[in-house]
Amino acid sequence: MRLQEASPAQIRERGLEVLAKALGPIGMVRFLQQFEMGSGNYTRDRERWLKDVTVGGAMMEIKKRRKKAAR
């Protein structure tokens, strides 16, 4: 099969064959689970979570945690 001329479905099928051969069926499934599609709107949610965070505030929090961990 020439991949340049293959359909997306053919490329996906060939890719799964190669993964199964290289990793075995369990390894293939574990690999594919890493690429699960999420849901929601990460950009909007992140803006909401970080709306009150400043660079200076984040730096102070990092220094405080490092100092606490060094004890």
PDB file of N, CA and C in Angstrom:
ATOM      1  N   MET A   1       0.843  -1.173   0.000  1.00  0.00           N
ATOM      2  CA  MET A   1       0.000   0.000   0.000  1.00  0.00           C
ATOM      3  C   MET A   1       0.894   1.244   0.000  1.00  0.00           C
ATOM      4  N   ARG A   2       0.641   2.145  -0.924  1.00  0.00           N
ATOM      5  CA  ARG A   2       1.363   3.414  -0.958  1.00  0.00           C
ATOM      6  C   ARG A   2       0.631   4.397  -0.051  1.00  0.00           C
ATOM      7  N   LEU A   3       1.297   4.819   1.012  1.00  0.00           N
ATOM      8  CA  LEU A   3       0.634   5.668   1.998  1.00  0.00           C
ATOM      9  C   LEU A   3       0.232   7.029   1.435  1.00  0.00           C
ATOM     10  N   GLN A   4       0.953   7.515   0.434  1.00  0.00           N
ATOM     11  CA  GLN A   4       0.603   8.802  -0.157  1.00  0.00           C
ATOM     12  C   GLN A   4      -0.779   8.764  -0.805  1.00  0.00           C
ATOM     13  N   GLU A   5      -1.194   7.590  -1.258  1.00  0.00           N
ATOM     14  CA  GLU A   5      -2.473   7.438  -1.958  1.00  0.00           C
ATOM     15  C   GLU A   5      -3.537   6.784  -1.083  1.00  0.00           C
ATOM     16  N   ALA A   6      -3.200   6.428   0.139  1.00  0.00           N
ATOM     17  CA  ALA A   6      -4.132   5.710   1.008  1.00  0.00           C
ATOM     18  C   ALA A   6      -5.146   6.663   1.624  1.00  0.00           C
ATOM     19  N   SER A   7      -6.310   6.141   1.894  1.00  0.00           N
ATOM     20  CA  SER A   7      -7.347   6.924   2.572  1.00  0.00           C
ATOM     21  C   SER A   7      -7.021   6.990   4.064  1.00  0.00           C
ATOM     22  N   PRO A   8      -7.616   7.924   4.787  1.00  0.00           N
ATOM     23  CA  PRO A   8      -7.400   7.961   6.241  1.00  0.00           C
ATOM     24  C   PRO A   8      -7.745   6.637   6.924  1.00  0.00           C
ATOM     25  N   ALA A   9      -8.797   5.984   6.470  1.00  0.00           N
ATOM     26  CA  ALA A   9      -9.182   4.698   7.066  1.00  0.00           C
ATOM     27  C   ALA A   9      -8.108   3.644   6.825  1.00  0.00           C
ATOM     28  N   GLN A  10      -7.519   3.634   5.635  1.00  0.00           N
ATOM     29  CA  GLN A  10      -6.463   2.663   5.325  1.00  0.00           C
ATOM     30  C   GLN A  10      -5.208   2.939   6.148  1.00  0.00           C
ATOM     31  N   ILE A  11      -4.874   4.199   6.302  1.00  0.00           N
ATOM     32  CA  ILE A  11      -3.696   4.551   7.115  1.00  0.00           C
ATOM     33  C   ILE A  11      -3.928   4.154   8.567  1.00  0.00           C
ATOM     34  N   ARG A  12      -5.136   4.411   9.084  1.00  0.00           N
ATOM     35  CA  ARG A  12      -5.463   4.038  10.463  1.00  0.00           C
ATOM     36  C   ARG A  12      -5.361   2.519  10.644  1.00  0.00           C
ATOM     37  N   GLU A  13      -5.896   1.769   9.691  1.00  0.00           N
ATOM     38  CA  GLU A  13      -5.846   0.308   9.767  1.00  0.00           C
ATOM     39  C   GLU A  13      -4.398  -0.189   9.763  1.00  0.00           C
ATOM     40  N   ARG A  14      -3.584   0.361   8.880  1.00  0.00           N
ATOM     41  CA  ARG A  14      -2.166  -0.038   8.808  1.00  0.00           C
ATOM     42  C   ARG A  14      -1.439   0.337  10.092  1.00  0.00           C
ATOM     43  N   GLY A  15      -1.744   1.515  10.622  1.00  0.00           N
ATOM     44  CA  GLY A  15      -1.121   1.948  11.875  1.00  0.00           C
ATOM     45  C   GLY A  15      -1.452   1.023  13.028  1.00  0.00           C
ATOM     46  N   LEU A  16      -2.704   0.596  13.115  1.00  0.00           N
ATOM     47  CA  LEU A  16      -3.099  -0.327  14.180  1.00  0.00           C
ATOM     48  C   LEU A  16      -2.412  -1.676  14.021  1.00  0.00           C
ATOM     49  N   GLU A  17      -2.253  -2.123  12.789  1.00  0.00           N
ATOM     50  CA  GLU A  17      -1.540  -3.380  12.540  1.00  0.00           C
ATOM     51  C   GLU A  17      -0.098  -3.276  13.044  1.00  0.00           C
ATOM     52  N   VAL A  18       0.554  -2.189  12.713  1.00  0.00           N
ATOM     53  CA  VAL A  18       1.955  -1.994  13.114  1.00  0.00           C
ATOM     54  C   VAL A  18       2.071  -1.889  14.633  1.00  0.00           C
ATOM     55  N   LEU A  19       1.156  -1.133  15.249  1.00  0.00           N
ATOM     56  CA  LEU A  19       1.170  -1.014  16.712  1.00  0.00           C
ATOM     57  C   LEU A  19       0.971  -2.377  17.379  1.00  0.00           C
ATOM     58  N   ALA A  20       0.003  -3.134  16.902  1.00  0.00           N
ATOM     59  CA  ALA A  20      -0.270  -4.447  17.492  1.00  0.00           C
ATOM     60  C   ALA A  20       0.937  -5.365  17.356  1.00  0.00           C
ATOM     61  N   LYS A  21       1.595  -5.306  16.209  1.00  0.00           N
ATOM     62  CA  LYS A  21       2.770  -6.155  15.996  1.00  0.00           C
ATOM     63  C   LYS A  21       3.926  -5.724  16.901  1.00  0.00           C
ATOM     64  N   ALA A  22       4.134  -4.424  17.035  1.00  0.00           N
ATOM     65  CA  ALA A  22       5.263  -3.924  17.813  1.00  0.00           C
ATOM     66  C   ALA A  22       5.031  -3.993  19.321  1.00  0.00           C
ATOM     67  N   LEU A  23       3.793  -3.730  19.759  1.00  0.00           N
ATOM     68  CA  LEU A  23       3.524  -3.625  21.194  1.00  0.00           C
ATOM     69  C   LEU A  23       2.710  -4.773  21.766  1.00  0.00           C
ATOM     70  N   GLY A  24       2.127  -5.583  20.896  1.00  0.00           N
ATOM     71  CA  GLY A  24       1.191  -6.606  21.361  1.00  0.00           C
ATOM     72  C   GLY A  24      -0.165  -5.957  21.605  1.00  0.00           C
ATOM     73  N   PRO A  25      -1.203  -6.756  21.724  1.00  0.00           N
ATOM     74  CA  PRO A  25      -2.545  -6.179  21.851  1.00  0.00           C
ATOM     75  C   PRO A  25      -2.733  -5.329  23.106  1.00  0.00           C
ATOM     76  N   ILE A  26      -2.196  -5.768  24.234  1.00  0.00           N
ATOM     77  CA  ILE A  26      -2.357  -4.992  25.470  1.00  0.00           C
ATOM     78  C   ILE A  26      -1.570  -3.696  25.395  1.00  0.00           C
ATOM     79  N   GLY A  27      -0.353  -3.760  24.902  1.00  0.00           N
ATOM     80  CA  GLY A  27       0.456  -2.548  24.751  1.00  0.00           C
ATOM     81  C   GLY A  27      -0.185  -1.565  23.787  1.00  0.00           C
ATOM     82  N   MET A  28      -0.773  -2.077  22.716  1.00  0.00           N
ATOM     83  CA  MET A  28      -1.442  -1.210  21.751  1.00  0.00           C
ATOM     84  C   MET A  28      -2.602  -0.473  22.423  1.00  0.00           C
ATOM     85  N   VAL A  29      -3.407  -1.181  23.186  1.00  0.00           N
ATOM     86  CA  VAL A  29      -4.543  -0.548  23.863  1.00  0.00           C
ATOM     87  C   VAL A  29      -4.051   0.494  24.860  1.00  0.00           C
ATOM     88  N   ARG A  30      -3.031   0.173  25.632  1.00  0.00           N
ATOM     89  CA  ARG A  30      -2.496   1.133  26.606  1.00  0.00           C
ATOM     90  C   ARG A  30      -1.965   2.380  25.909  1.00  0.00           C
ATOM     91  N   PHE A  31      -1.308   2.200  24.769  1.00  0.00           N
ATOM     92  CA  PHE A  31      -0.799   3.339  24.006  1.00  0.00           C
ATOM     93  C   PHE A  31      -1.953   4.196  23.510  1.00  0.00           C
ATOM     94  N   LEU A  32      -2.967   3.584  22.938  1.00  0.00           N
ATOM     95  CA  LEU A  32      -4.097   4.332  22.380  1.00  0.00           C
ATOM     96  C   LEU A  32      -4.896   5.053  23.458  1.00  0.00           C
ATOM     97  N   GLN A  33      -4.934   4.529  24.666  1.00  0.00           N
ATOM     98  CA  GLN A  33      -5.666   5.183  25.749  1.00  0.00           C
ATOM     99  C   GLN A  33      -5.061   6.537  26.122  1.00  0.00           C
ATOM    100  N   GLN A  34      -3.811   6.750  25.781  1.00  0.00           N
ATOM    101  CA  GLN A  34      -3.158   8.021  26.091  1.00  0.00           C
ATOM    102  C   GLN A  34      -3.691   9.164  25.246  1.00  0.00           C
ATOM    103  N   PHE A  35      -4.400   8.859  24.173  1.00  0.00           N
ATOM    104  CA  PHE A  35      -4.837   9.871  23.222  1.00  0.00           C
ATOM    105  C   PHE A  35      -6.346  10.048  23.213  1.00  0.00           C
ATOM    106  N   GLU A  36      -6.942   9.875  24.364  1.00  0.00           N
ATOM    107  CA  GLU A  36      -8.387  10.034  24.490  1.00  0.00           C
ATOM    108  C   GLU A  36      -8.768  11.493  24.259  1.00  0.00           C
ATOM    109  N   MET A  37      -9.839  11.684  23.546  1.00  0.00           N
ATOM    110  CA  MET A  37     -10.325  13.041  23.309  1.00  0.00           C
ATOM    111  C   MET A  37     -11.017  13.526  24.576  1.00  0.00           C
ATOM    112  N   GLY A  38     -10.675  14.698  25.009  1.00  0.00           N
ATOM    113  CA  GLY A  38     -11.310  15.260  26.188  1.00  0.00           C
ATOM    114  C   GLY A  38     -12.617  15.935  25.820  1.00  0.00           C
ATOM    115  N   SER A  39     -13.175  16.604  26.781  1.00  0.00           N
ATOM    116  CA  SER A  39     -14.403  17.343  26.515  1.00  0.00           C
ATOM    117  C   SER A  39     -14.307  18.694  27.203  1.00  0.00           C
ATOM    118  N   GLY A  40     -15.167  19.589  26.841  1.00  0.00           N
ATOM    119  CA  GLY A  40     -15.175  20.905  27.454  1.00  0.00           C
ATOM    120  C   GLY A  40     -14.346  21.893  26.651  1.00  0.00           C
ATOM    121  N   ASN A  41     -14.154  23.055  27.239  1.00  0.00           N
ATOM    122  CA  ASN A  41     -13.399  24.130  26.600  1.00  0.00           C
ATOM    123  C   ASN A  41     -12.249  24.503  27.528  1.00  0.00           C
ATOM    124  N   TYR A  42     -11.096  23.898  27.306  1.00  0.00           N
ATOM    125  CA  TYR A  42      -9.957  24.096  28.196  1.00  0.00           C
ATOM    126  C   TYR A  42      -9.546  25.558  28.276  1.00  0.00           C
ATOM    127  N   THR A  43      -9.531  26.263  27.151  1.00  0.00           N
ATOM    128  CA  THR A  43      -9.089  27.658  27.143  1.00  0.00           C
ATOM    129  C   THR A  43      -9.994  28.509  28.026  1.00  0.00           C
ATOM    130  N   ARG A  44     -11.296  28.365  27.865  1.00  0.00           N
ATOM    131  CA  ARG A  44     -12.236  29.136  28.681  1.00  0.00           C
ATOM    132  C   ARG A  44     -12.098  28.768  30.160  1.00  0.00           C
ATOM    133  N   ASP A  45     -12.014  27.466  30.446  1.00  0.00           N
ATOM    134  CA  ASP A  45     -11.907  27.023  31.836  1.00  0.00           C
ATOM    135  C   ASP A  45     -10.610  27.498  32.465  1.00  0.00           C
ATOM    136  N   ARG A  46      -9.522  27.449  31.727  1.00  0.00           N
ATOM    137  CA  ARG A  46      -8.216  27.893  32.245  1.00  0.00           C
ATOM    138  C   ARG A  46      -8.246  29.372  32.575  1.00  0.00           C
ATOM    139  N   GLU A  47      -8.838  30.168  31.712  1.00  0.00           N
ATOM    140  CA  GLU A  47      -8.942  31.604  31.988  1.00  0.00           C
ATOM    141  C   GLU A  47      -9.708  31.838  33.286  1.00  0.00           C
ATOM    142  N   ARG A  48     -10.756  31.065  33.522  1.00  0.00           N
ATOM    143  CA  ARG A  48     -11.548  31.195  34.747  1.00  0.00           C
ATOM    144  C   ARG A  48     -10.730  30.780  35.970  1.00  0.00           C
ATOM    145  N   TRP A  49      -9.992  29.656  35.862  1.00  0.00           N
ATOM    146  CA  TRP A  49      -9.209  29.171  36.992  1.00  0.00           C
ATOM    147  C   TRP A  49      -8.093  30.135  37.363  1.00  0.00           C
ATOM    148  N   LEU A  50      -7.503  30.779  36.354  1.00  0.00           N
ATOM    149  CA  LEU A  50      -6.313  31.596  36.586  1.00  0.00           C
ATOM    150  C   LEU A  50      -6.579  33.093  36.575  1.00  0.00           C
ATOM    151  N   LYS A  51      -7.837  33.510  36.615  1.00  0.00           N
ATOM    152  CA  LYS A  51      -8.144  34.931  36.462  1.00  0.00           C
ATOM    153  C   LYS A  51      -7.497  35.799  37.533  1.00  0.00           C
ATOM    154  N   ASP A  52      -7.292  35.270  38.739  1.00  0.00           N
ATOM    155  CA  ASP A  52      -6.707  36.068  39.821  1.00  0.00           C
ATOM    156  C   ASP A  52      -5.228  35.784  40.043  1.00  0.00           C
ATOM    157  N   VAL A  53      -4.617  34.965  39.189  1.00  0.00           N
ATOM    158  CA  VAL A  53      -3.216  34.597  39.358  1.00  0.00           C
ATOM    159  C   VAL A  53      -2.335  35.580  38.593  1.00  0.00           C
ATOM    160  N   THR A  54      -1.301  36.085  39.285  1.00  0.00           N
ATOM    161  CA  THR A  54      -0.315  36.954  38.643  1.00  0.00           C
ATOM    162  C   THR A  54       1.026  36.236  38.629  1.00  0.00           C
ATOM    163  N   VAL A  55       1.933  36.697  37.803  1.00  0.00           N
ATOM    164  CA  VAL A  55       3.274  36.096  37.764  1.00  0.00           C
ATOM    165  C   VAL A  55       3.948  36.266  39.119  1.00  0.00           C
ATOM    166  N   GLY A  56       3.857  37.460  39.681  1.00  0.00           N
ATOM    167  CA  GLY A  56       4.464  37.712  40.990  1.00  0.00           C
ATOM    168  C   GLY A  56       3.876  36.827  42.072  1.00  0.00           C
ATOM    169  N   GLY A  57       2.569  36.672  42.065  1.00  0.00           N
ATOM    170  CA  GLY A  57       1.913  35.814  43.049  1.00  0.00           C
ATOM    171  C   GLY A  57       2.318  34.359  42.880  1.00  0.00           C
ATOM    172  N   ALA A  58       2.421  33.910  41.659  1.00  0.00           N
ATOM    173  CA  ALA A  58       2.841  32.538  41.398  1.00  0.00           C
ATOM    174  C   ALA A  58       4.275  32.308  41.874  1.00  0.00           C
ATOM    175  N   MET A  59       5.149  33.280  41.621  1.00  0.00           N
ATOM    176  CA  MET A  59       6.545  33.162  42.065  1.00  0.00           C
ATOM    177  C   MET A  59       6.627  33.102  43.593  1.00  0.00           C
ATOM    178  N   MET A  60       5.851  33.936  44.276  1.00  0.00           N
ATOM    179  CA  MET A  60       5.850  33.915  45.744  1.00  0.00           C
ATOM    180  C   MET A  60       5.372  32.563  46.264  1.00  0.00           C
ATOM    181  N   GLU A  61       4.348  31.996  45.632  1.00  0.00           N
ATOM    182  CA  GLU A  61       3.831  30.697  46.051  1.00  0.00           C
ATOM    183  C   GLU A  61       4.873  29.593  45.835  1.00  0.00           C
ATOM    184  N   ILE A  62       5.581  29.647  44.709  1.00  0.00           N
ATOM    185  CA  ILE A  62       6.639  28.665  44.429  1.00  0.00           C
ATOM    186  C   ILE A  62       7.735  28.760  45.482  1.00  0.00           C
ATOM    187  N   LYS A  63       8.190  29.968  45.772  1.00  0.00           N
ATOM    188  CA  LYS A  63       9.249  30.155  46.783  1.00  0.00           C
ATOM    189  C   LYS A  63       8.802  29.655  48.151  1.00  0.00           C
ATOM    190  N   LYS A  64       7.544  29.935  48.504  1.00  0.00           N
ATOM    191  CA  LYS A  64       7.015  29.502  49.791  1.00  0.00           C
ATOM    192  C   LYS A  64       6.992  27.980  49.871  1.00  0.00           C
ATOM    193  N   ARG A  65       6.553  27.326  48.798  1.00  0.00           N
ATOM    194  CA  ARG A  65       6.494  25.860  48.807  1.00  0.00           C
ATOM    195  C   ARG A  65       7.885  25.234  48.819  1.00  0.00           C
ATOM    196  N   ARG A  66       8.828  25.856  48.098  1.00  0.00           N
ATOM    197  CA  ARG A  66      10.208  25.316  48.094  1.00  0.00           C
ATOM    198  C   ARG A  66      10.818  25.437  49.480  1.00  0.00           C
ATOM    199  N   LYS A  67      10.561  26.560  50.137  1.00  0.00           N
ATOM    200  CA  LYS A  67      11.106  26.782  51.470  1.00  0.00           C
ATOM    201  C   LYS A  67      10.522  25.759  52.444  1.00  0.00           C
ATOM    202  N   LYS A  68       9.218  25.512  52.332  1.00  0.00           N
ATOM    203  CA  LYS A  68       8.546  24.543  53.195  1.00  0.00           C
ATOM    204  C   LYS A  68       9.085  23.133  52.939  1.00  0.00           C
ATOM    205  N   ALA A  69       9.319  22.787  51.666  1.00  0.00           N
ATOM    206  CA  ALA A  69       9.810  21.448  51.320  1.00  0.00           C
ATOM    207  C   ALA A  69      11.253  21.240  51.772  1.00  0.00           C
ATOM    208  N   ALA A  70      12.021  22.305  51.876  1.00  0.00           N
ATOM    209  CA  ALA A  70      13.428  22.196  52.275  1.00  0.00           C
ATOM    210  C   ALA A  70      13.578  21.913  53.763  1.00  0.00           C
ATOM    211  N   ARG A  71      12.549  22.124  54.541  1.00  0.00           N
ATOM    212  CA  ARG A  71      12.629  21.905  55.998  1.00  0.00           C
ATOM    213  C   ARG A  71      12.701  20.464  56.349  1.00  0.00           C
TER     214      ARG A  71
END
